[in-house]
PDB file of N, CA and C in Angstrom:
ATOM      1  N   MET A   1      91.304  72.720 -43.309  1.00  0.00           N
ATOM      2  CA  MET A   1      92.728  73.215 -42.415  1.00  0.00           C
ATOM      3  C   MET A   1      92.894  74.667 -43.457  1.00  0.00           C
ATOM      4  N   MET A   2      92.715  75.767 -42.744  1.00  0.00           N
ATOM      5  CA  MET A   2      93.273  76.867 -43.689  1.00  0.00           C
ATOM      6  C   MET A   2      95.165  76.925 -43.608  1.00  0.00           C
ATOM      7  N   LYS A   3      95.454  77.156 -44.813  1.00  0.00           N
ATOM      8  CA  LYS A   3      96.929  77.320 -44.990  1.00  0.00           C
ATOM      9  C   LYS A   3      97.303  78.462 -44.754  1.00  0.00           C
ATOM     10  N   LEU A   4      98.928  78.597 -43.880  1.00  0.00           N
ATOM     11  CA  LEU A   4      99.257  80.446 -43.848  1.00  0.00           C
ATOM     12  C   LEU A   4     100.257  80.274 -44.685  1.00  0.00           C
ATOM     13  N   LEU A   5     100.274  81.724 -45.300  1.00  0.00           N
ATOM     14  CA  LEU A   5     101.942  82.197 -46.193  1.00  0.00           C
ATOM     15  C   LEU A   5     101.827  83.256 -45.536  1.00  0.00           C
ATOM     16  N   ASP A   6     103.484  83.311 -45.033  1.00  0.00           N
ATOM     17  CA  ASP A   6     103.704  84.975 -44.995  1.00  0.00           C
ATOM     18  C   ASP A   6     104.629  85.474 -45.799  1.00  0.00           C
ATOM     19  N   ILE A   7     104.567  86.681 -46.818  1.00  0.00           N
ATOM     20  CA  ILE A   7     105.302  86.916 -47.932  1.00  0.00           C
ATOM     21  C   ILE A   7     105.807  88.175 -47.116  1.00  0.00           C
ATOM     22  N   THR A   8     105.464  88.697 -46.147  1.00  0.00           N
ATOM     23  CA  THR A   8     106.083  90.377 -45.903  1.00  0.00           C
ATOM     24  C   THR A   8     107.451  90.285 -45.891  1.00  0.00           C
ATOM     25  N   LYS A   9     108.453  89.718 -46.220  1.00  0.00           N
ATOM     26  CA  LYS A   9     109.795  89.536 -46.667  1.00  0.00           C
ATOM     27  C   LYS A   9     110.086  89.597 -48.182  1.00  0.00           C
ATOM     28  N   GLU A  10     108.864  89.261 -48.983  1.00  0.00           N
ATOM     29  CA  GLU A  10     109.158  89.107 -50.651  1.00  0.00           C
ATOM     30  C   GLU A  10     108.799  90.544 -50.766  1.00  0.00           C
ATOM     31  N   THR A  11     109.418  90.943 -52.266  1.00  0.00           N
ATOM     32  CA  THR A  11     109.143  91.926 -53.015  1.00  0.00           C
ATOM     33  C   THR A  11     108.415  91.226 -54.112  1.00  0.00           C
ATOM     34  N   CYS A  12     107.785  92.022 -54.853  1.00  0.00           N
ATOM     35  CA  CYS A  12     106.991  91.914 -56.585  1.00  0.00           C
ATOM     36  C   CYS A  12     107.939  91.723 -57.398  1.00  0.00           C
ATOM     37  N   PRO A  13     107.527  90.860 -58.039  1.00  0.00           N
ATOM     38  CA  PRO A  13     106.773  89.750 -58.342  1.00  0.00           C
ATOM     39  C   PRO A  13     107.150  88.517 -57.734  1.00  0.00           C
ATOM     40  N   MET A  14     108.168  88.441 -56.680  1.00  0.00           N
ATOM     41  CA  MET A  14     107.846  87.229 -56.188  1.00  0.00           C
ATOM     42  C   MET A  14     106.798  87.023 -55.335  1.00  0.00           C
ATOM     43  N   THR A  15     106.059  88.079 -54.912  1.00  0.00           N
ATOM     44  CA  THR A  15     104.918  87.606 -53.819  1.00  0.00           C
ATOM     45  C   THR A  15     103.776  87.133 -54.238  1.00  0.00           C
ATOM     46  N   PHE A  16     103.106  87.602 -55.534  1.00  0.00           N
ATOM     47  CA  PHE A  16     102.330  86.746 -56.047  1.00  0.00           C
ATOM     48  C   PHE A  16     102.950  85.204 -56.809  1.00  0.00           C
ATOM     49  N   VAL A  17     104.451  85.211 -57.140  1.00  0.00           N
ATOM     50  CA  VAL A  17     104.659  83.715 -57.535  1.00  0.00           C
ATOM     51  C   VAL A  17     104.818  83.149 -55.998  1.00  0.00           C
ATOM     52  N   LYS A  18     104.999  83.582 -54.996  1.00  0.00           N
ATOM     53  CA  LYS A  18     104.512  82.409 -54.137  1.00  0.00           C
ATOM     54  C   LYS A  18     103.500  81.982 -53.493  1.00  0.00           C
ATOM     55  N   VAL A  19     102.335  83.130 -53.851  1.00  0.00           N
ATOM     56  CA  VAL A  19     100.987  83.092 -53.751  1.00  0.00           C
ATOM     57  C   VAL A  19     100.517  81.638 -54.718  1.00  0.00           C
ATOM     58  N   LYS A  20     101.163  81.709 -55.919  1.00  0.00           N
ATOM     59  CA  LYS A  20     100.842  81.146 -56.859  1.00  0.00           C
ATOM     60  C   LYS A  20     101.168  79.406 -56.814  1.00  0.00           C
ATOM     61  N   LEU A  21     102.560  79.248 -56.030  1.00  0.00           N
ATOM     62  CA  LEU A  21     102.861  78.036 -56.332  1.00  0.00           C
ATOM     63  C   LEU A  21     102.382  77.439 -55.197  1.00  0.00           C
ATOM     64  N   ALA A  22     101.920  78.481 -54.008  1.00  0.00           N
ATOM     65  CA  ALA A  22     101.315  77.797 -52.603  1.00  0.00           C
ATOM     66  C   ALA A  22     100.156  77.150 -53.328  1.00  0.00           C
ATOM     67  N   LEU A  23      99.376  78.013 -53.614  1.00  0.00           N
ATOM     68  CA  LEU A  23      97.916  77.671 -54.385  1.00  0.00           C
ATOM     69  C   LEU A  23      97.922  76.391 -55.293  1.00  0.00           C
ATOM     70  N   ALA A  24      98.777  76.528 -55.868  1.00  0.00           N
ATOM     71  CA  ALA A  24      98.679  75.256 -56.807  1.00  0.00           C
ATOM     72  C   ALA A  24      98.964  73.861 -56.192  1.00  0.00           C
ATOM     73  N   ARG A  25      99.684  74.264 -54.885  1.00  0.00           N
ATOM     74  CA  ARG A  25      99.452  72.577 -54.042  1.00  0.00           C
ATOM     75  C   ARG A  25      98.717  72.301 -53.020  1.00  0.00           C
ATOM     76  N   MET A  26      97.467  73.012 -53.411  1.00  0.00           N
ATOM     77  CA  MET A  26      96.332  72.964 -52.559  1.00  0.00           C
ATOM     78  C   MET A  26      95.062  72.226 -53.530  1.00  0.00           C
ATOM     79  N   ASP A  27      94.020  71.856 -52.620  1.00  0.00           N
ATOM     80  CA  ASP A  27      93.118  71.058 -53.266  1.00  0.00           C
ATOM     81  C   ASP A  27      92.225  72.215 -53.672  1.00  0.00           C
ATOM     82  N   GLU A  28      90.931  71.942 -55.093  1.00  0.00           N
ATOM     83  CA  GLU A  28      89.970  72.950 -54.901  1.00  0.00           C
ATOM     84  C   GLU A  28      89.043  72.658 -53.653  1.00  0.00           C
ATOM     85  N   GLY A  29      88.801  74.265 -53.438  1.00  0.00           N
ATOM     86  CA  GLY A  29      87.756  74.654 -52.287  1.00  0.00           C
ATOM     87  C   GLY A  29      88.519  75.280 -51.158  1.00  0.00           C
ATOM     88  N   GLN A  30      90.031  74.754 -51.000  1.00  0.00           N
ATOM     89  CA  GLN A  30      90.847  75.157 -50.182  1.00  0.00           C
ATOM     90  C   GLN A  30      91.232  76.660 -50.063  1.00  0.00           C
ATOM     91  N   GLU A  31      91.327  77.208 -48.591  1.00  0.00           N
ATOM     92  CA  GLU A  31      91.531  78.580 -48.331  1.00  0.00           C
ATOM     93  C   GLU A  31      93.032  78.843 -48.107  1.00  0.00           C
ATOM     94  N   LEU A  32      93.607  79.673 -48.756  1.00  0.00           N
ATOM     95  CA  LEU A  32      95.041  80.609 -48.131  1.00  0.00           C
ATOM     96  C   LEU A  32      94.848  81.361 -47.574  1.00  0.00           C
ATOM     97  N   GLU A  33      95.515  81.694 -46.462  1.00  0.00           N
ATOM     98  CA  GLU A  33      95.631  82.736 -45.822  1.00  0.00           C
ATOM     99  C   GLU A  33      97.220  83.299 -46.002  1.00  0.00           C
ATOM    100  N   VAL A  34      97.242  84.470 -46.231  1.00  0.00           N
ATOM    101  CA  VAL A  34      98.461  85.418 -46.700  1.00  0.00           C
ATOM    102  C   VAL A  34      98.726  86.460 -46.073  1.00  0.00           C
ATOM    103  N   ILE A  35      99.746  87.419 -45.719  1.00  0.00           N
ATOM    104  CA  ILE A  35     100.119  88.087 -44.657  1.00  0.00           C
ATOM    105  C   ILE A  35     100.993  88.511 -46.032  1.00  0.00           C
ATOM    106  N   LEU A  36     100.818  89.822 -45.777  1.00  0.00           N
ATOM    107  CA  LEU A  36     101.674  91.008 -47.144  1.00  0.00           C
ATOM    108  C   LEU A  36     101.467  92.043 -46.845  1.00  0.00           C
ATOM    109  N   ASN A  37     102.735  92.502 -47.192  1.00  0.00           N
ATOM    110  CA  ASN A  37     102.263  94.229 -46.777  1.00  0.00           C
ATOM    111  C   ASN A  37     102.028  95.305 -47.908  1.00  0.00           C
ATOM    112  N   ALA A  38     101.713  96.413 -47.634  1.00  0.00           N
ATOM    113  CA  ALA A  38     100.597  97.075 -47.534  1.00  0.00           C
ATOM    114  C   ALA A  38     101.464  98.252 -48.874  1.00  0.00           C
ATOM    115  N   GLY A  39     100.928  98.090 -50.264  1.00  0.00           N
ATOM    116  CA  GLY A  39     101.692  98.780 -51.258  1.00  0.00           C
ATOM    117  C   GLY A  39     101.473  98.037 -52.684  1.00  0.00           C
ATOM    118  N   GLU A  40     102.755  97.773 -53.291  1.00  0.00           N
ATOM    119  CA  GLU A  40     102.224  97.044 -54.180  1.00  0.00           C
ATOM    120  C   GLU A  40     102.018  95.741 -53.999  1.00  0.00           C
ATOM    121  N   PRO A  41     102.547  94.715 -53.283  1.00  0.00           N
ATOM    122  CA  PRO A  41     102.072  93.492 -52.827  1.00  0.00           C
ATOM    123  C   PRO A  41     100.462  93.740 -52.529  1.00  0.00           C
ATOM    124  N   LEU A  42      99.950  94.738 -51.954  1.00  0.00           N
ATOM    125  CA  LEU A  42      98.710  94.698 -51.548  1.00  0.00           C
ATOM    126  C   LEU A  42      97.747  94.747 -52.707  1.00  0.00           C
ATOM    127  N   GLU A  43      98.352  95.847 -53.808  1.00  0.00           N
ATOM    128  CA  GLU A  43      97.418  95.899 -55.046  1.00  0.00           C
ATOM    129  C   GLU A  43      97.588  94.917 -55.899  1.00  0.00           C
ATOM    130  N   ASN A  44      98.566  94.180 -56.253  1.00  0.00           N
ATOM    131  CA  ASN A  44      98.826  93.159 -57.116  1.00  0.00           C
ATOM    132  C   ASN A  44      98.316  92.084 -56.604  1.00  0.00           C
ATOM    133  N   VAL A  45      98.710  91.846 -55.315  1.00  0.00           N
ATOM    134  CA  VAL A  45      98.396  90.107 -55.258  1.00  0.00           C
ATOM    135  C   VAL A  45      96.967  89.594 -55.375  1.00  0.00           C
ATOM    136  N   PRO A  46      96.023  90.320 -54.575  1.00  0.00           N
ATOM    137  CA  PRO A  46      94.785  89.998 -54.965  1.00  0.00           C
ATOM    138  C   PRO A  46      94.454  89.800 -56.380  1.00  0.00           C
ATOM    139  N   ARG A  47      94.500  91.445 -57.375  1.00  0.00           N
ATOM    140  CA  ARG A  47      93.933  91.226 -58.066  1.00  0.00           C
ATOM    141  C   ARG A  47      94.996  90.163 -59.459  1.00  0.00           C
ATOM    142  N   SER A  48      96.134  89.375 -58.878  1.00  0.00           N
ATOM    143  CA  SER A  48      96.717  88.772 -59.991  1.00  0.00           C
ATOM    144  C   SER A  48      95.699  87.443 -59.516  1.00  0.00           C
ATOM    145  N   CYS A  49      95.688  87.254 -58.219  1.00  0.00           N
ATOM    146  CA  CYS A  49      94.497  86.078 -58.339  1.00  0.00           C
ATOM    147  C   CYS A  49      93.345  85.946 -58.790  1.00  0.00           C
ATOM    148  N   GLU A  50      92.835  87.136 -58.811  1.00  0.00           N
ATOM    149  CA  GLU A  50      91.615  87.003 -59.443  1.00  0.00           C
ATOM    150  C   GLU A  50      91.303  86.765 -60.496  1.00  0.00           C
ATOM    151  N   GLU A  51      92.665  87.366 -61.421  1.00  0.00           N
ATOM    152  CA  GLU A  51      92.588  87.589 -62.939  1.00  0.00           C
ATOM    153  C   GLU A  51      93.154  85.521 -63.174  1.00  0.00           C
ATOM    154  N   GLN A  52      93.724  85.067 -62.112  1.00  0.00           N
ATOM    155  CA  GLN A  52      94.483  83.679 -62.253  1.00  0.00           C
ATOM    156  C   GLN A  52      92.984  82.601 -61.869  1.00  0.00           C
ATOM    157  N   GLY A  53      91.839  83.638 -61.832  1.00  0.00           N
ATOM    158  CA  GLY A  53      90.683  82.437 -61.295  1.00  0.00           C
ATOM    159  C   GLY A  53      90.386  82.232 -59.826  1.00  0.00           C
ATOM    160  N   TYR A  54      91.089  82.734 -58.867  1.00  0.00           N
ATOM    161  CA  TYR A  54      91.004  82.236 -57.599  1.00  0.00           C
ATOM    162  C   TYR A  54      90.471  83.520 -57.193  1.00  0.00           C
ATOM    163  N   GLU A  55      89.350  83.200 -56.465  1.00  0.00           N
ATOM    164  CA  GLU A  55      88.715  83.863 -55.210  1.00  0.00           C
ATOM    165  C   GLU A  55      89.402  84.252 -54.385  1.00  0.00           C
ATOM    166  N   VAL A  56      89.448  85.777 -53.941  1.00  0.00           N
ATOM    167  CA  VAL A  56      89.656  86.621 -52.873  1.00  0.00           C
ATOM    168  C   VAL A  56      88.284  86.891 -51.488  1.00  0.00           C
ATOM    169  N   MET A  57      88.277  85.841 -50.397  1.00  0.00           N
ATOM    170  CA  MET A  57      87.305  85.983 -49.529  1.00  0.00           C
ATOM    171  C   MET A  57      87.572  87.736 -49.042  1.00  0.00           C
ATOM    172  N   SER A  58      88.320  87.729 -48.369  1.00  0.00           N
ATOM    173  CA  SER A  58      88.619  89.153 -47.487  1.00  0.00           C
ATOM    174  C   SER A  58      89.919  89.515 -47.526  1.00  0.00           C
ATOM    175  N   ILE A  59      89.799  90.722 -47.260  1.00  0.00           N
ATOM    176  CA  ILE A  59      91.154  91.280 -47.163  1.00  0.00           C
ATOM    177  C   ILE A  59      91.170  92.505 -45.519  1.00  0.00           C
ATOM    178  N   GLU A  60      92.068  92.324 -44.614  1.00  0.00           N
ATOM    179  CA  GLU A  60      92.025  92.791 -43.512  1.00  0.00           C
ATOM    180  C   GLU A  60      93.180  93.847 -43.137  1.00  0.00           C
ATOM    181  N   ASP A  61      93.234  94.572 -42.439  1.00  0.00           N
ATOM    182  CA  ASP A  61      94.489  95.462 -42.237  1.00  0.00           C
ATOM    183  C   ASP A  61      94.221  94.692 -40.937  1.00  0.00           C
ATOM    184  N   CYS A  62      96.032  94.700 -40.866  1.00  0.00           N
ATOM    185  CA  CYS A  62      96.208  93.875 -39.321  1.00  0.00           C
ATOM    186  C   CYS A  62      97.154  95.101 -38.740  1.00  0.00           C
ATOM    187  N   GLY A  63      97.489  96.180 -39.346  1.00  0.00           N
ATOM    188  CA  GLY A  63      98.027  97.378 -38.445  1.00  0.00           C
ATOM    189  C   GLY A  63      99.701  97.209 -38.966  1.00  0.00           C
ATOM    190  N   ASP A  64     100.541  97.874 -38.589  1.00  0.00           N
ATOM    191  CA  ASP A  64     101.714  97.884 -38.964  1.00  0.00           C
ATOM    192  C   ASP A  64     101.767  97.789 -40.437  1.00  0.00           C
ATOM    193  N   ASP A  65     101.413  98.289 -41.006  1.00  0.00           N
ATOM    194  CA  ASP A  65     101.506  98.257 -42.848  1.00  0.00           C
ATOM    195  C   ASP A  65     101.188  96.847 -43.454  1.00  0.00           C
ATOM    196  N   LYS A  66     100.618  95.656 -42.185  1.00  0.00           N
ATOM    197  CA  LYS A  66     100.261  94.402 -42.490  1.00  0.00           C
ATOM    198  C   LYS A  66      98.935  94.648 -43.371  1.00  0.00           C
ATOM    199  N   HIS A  67      98.545  93.230 -44.073  1.00  0.00           N
ATOM    200  CA  HIS A  67      97.427  92.828 -44.749  1.00  0.00           C
ATOM    201  C   HIS A  67      97.297  91.694 -44.535  1.00  0.00           C
ATOM    202  N   ARG A  68      96.372  90.896 -44.061  1.00  0.00           N
ATOM    203  CA  ARG A  68      95.558  89.243 -44.164  1.00  0.00           C
ATOM    204  C   ARG A  68      94.700  89.204 -45.567  1.00  0.00           C
ATOM    205  N   ILE A  69      95.202  87.996 -46.266  1.00  0.00           N
ATOM    206  CA  ILE A  69      93.864  88.225 -47.500  1.00  0.00           C
ATOM    207  C   ILE A  69      94.186  86.784 -47.363  1.00  0.00           C
ATOM    208  N   ILE A  70      92.371  86.398 -47.589  1.00  0.00           N
ATOM    209  CA  ILE A  70      91.722  84.943 -47.675  1.00  0.00           C
ATOM    210  C   ILE A  70      91.532  84.550 -49.147  1.00  0.00           C
ATOM    211  N   ILE A  71      92.583  83.611 -49.591  1.00  0.00           N
ATOM    212  CA  ILE A  71      91.666  82.863 -51.142  1.00  0.00           C
ATOM    213  C   ILE A  71      91.633  82.118 -51.246  1.00  0.00           C
ATOM    214  N   LYS A  72      90.794  81.620 -52.128  1.00  0.00           N
ATOM    215  CA  LYS A  72      89.938  80.461 -52.387  1.00  0.00           C
ATOM    216  C   LYS A  72      90.216  80.020 -53.563  1.00  0.00           C
ATOM    217  N   LYS A  73      90.731  78.726 -53.525  1.00  0.00           N
ATOM    218  CA  LYS A  73      91.388  78.046 -54.503  1.00  0.00           C
ATOM    219  C   LYS A  73      90.103  76.945 -55.637  1.00  0.00           C
TER     220      LYS A  73
END
């Protein structure tokens, strides 16, 4: 089961902190669906996840300046 995390109300650097905390509570191989805003969060969260060794499976534009990324632990 995929977990969902909406960080559209957060600002950097809290966006990645929330994602990292959620991933820490997950098992290896699980996927996290993250809803985030365009701009800084969209630039920083996928890059930071990859730097931490997580796999960014997809990035999708949801319209309204929101994006959905799937991260595999």
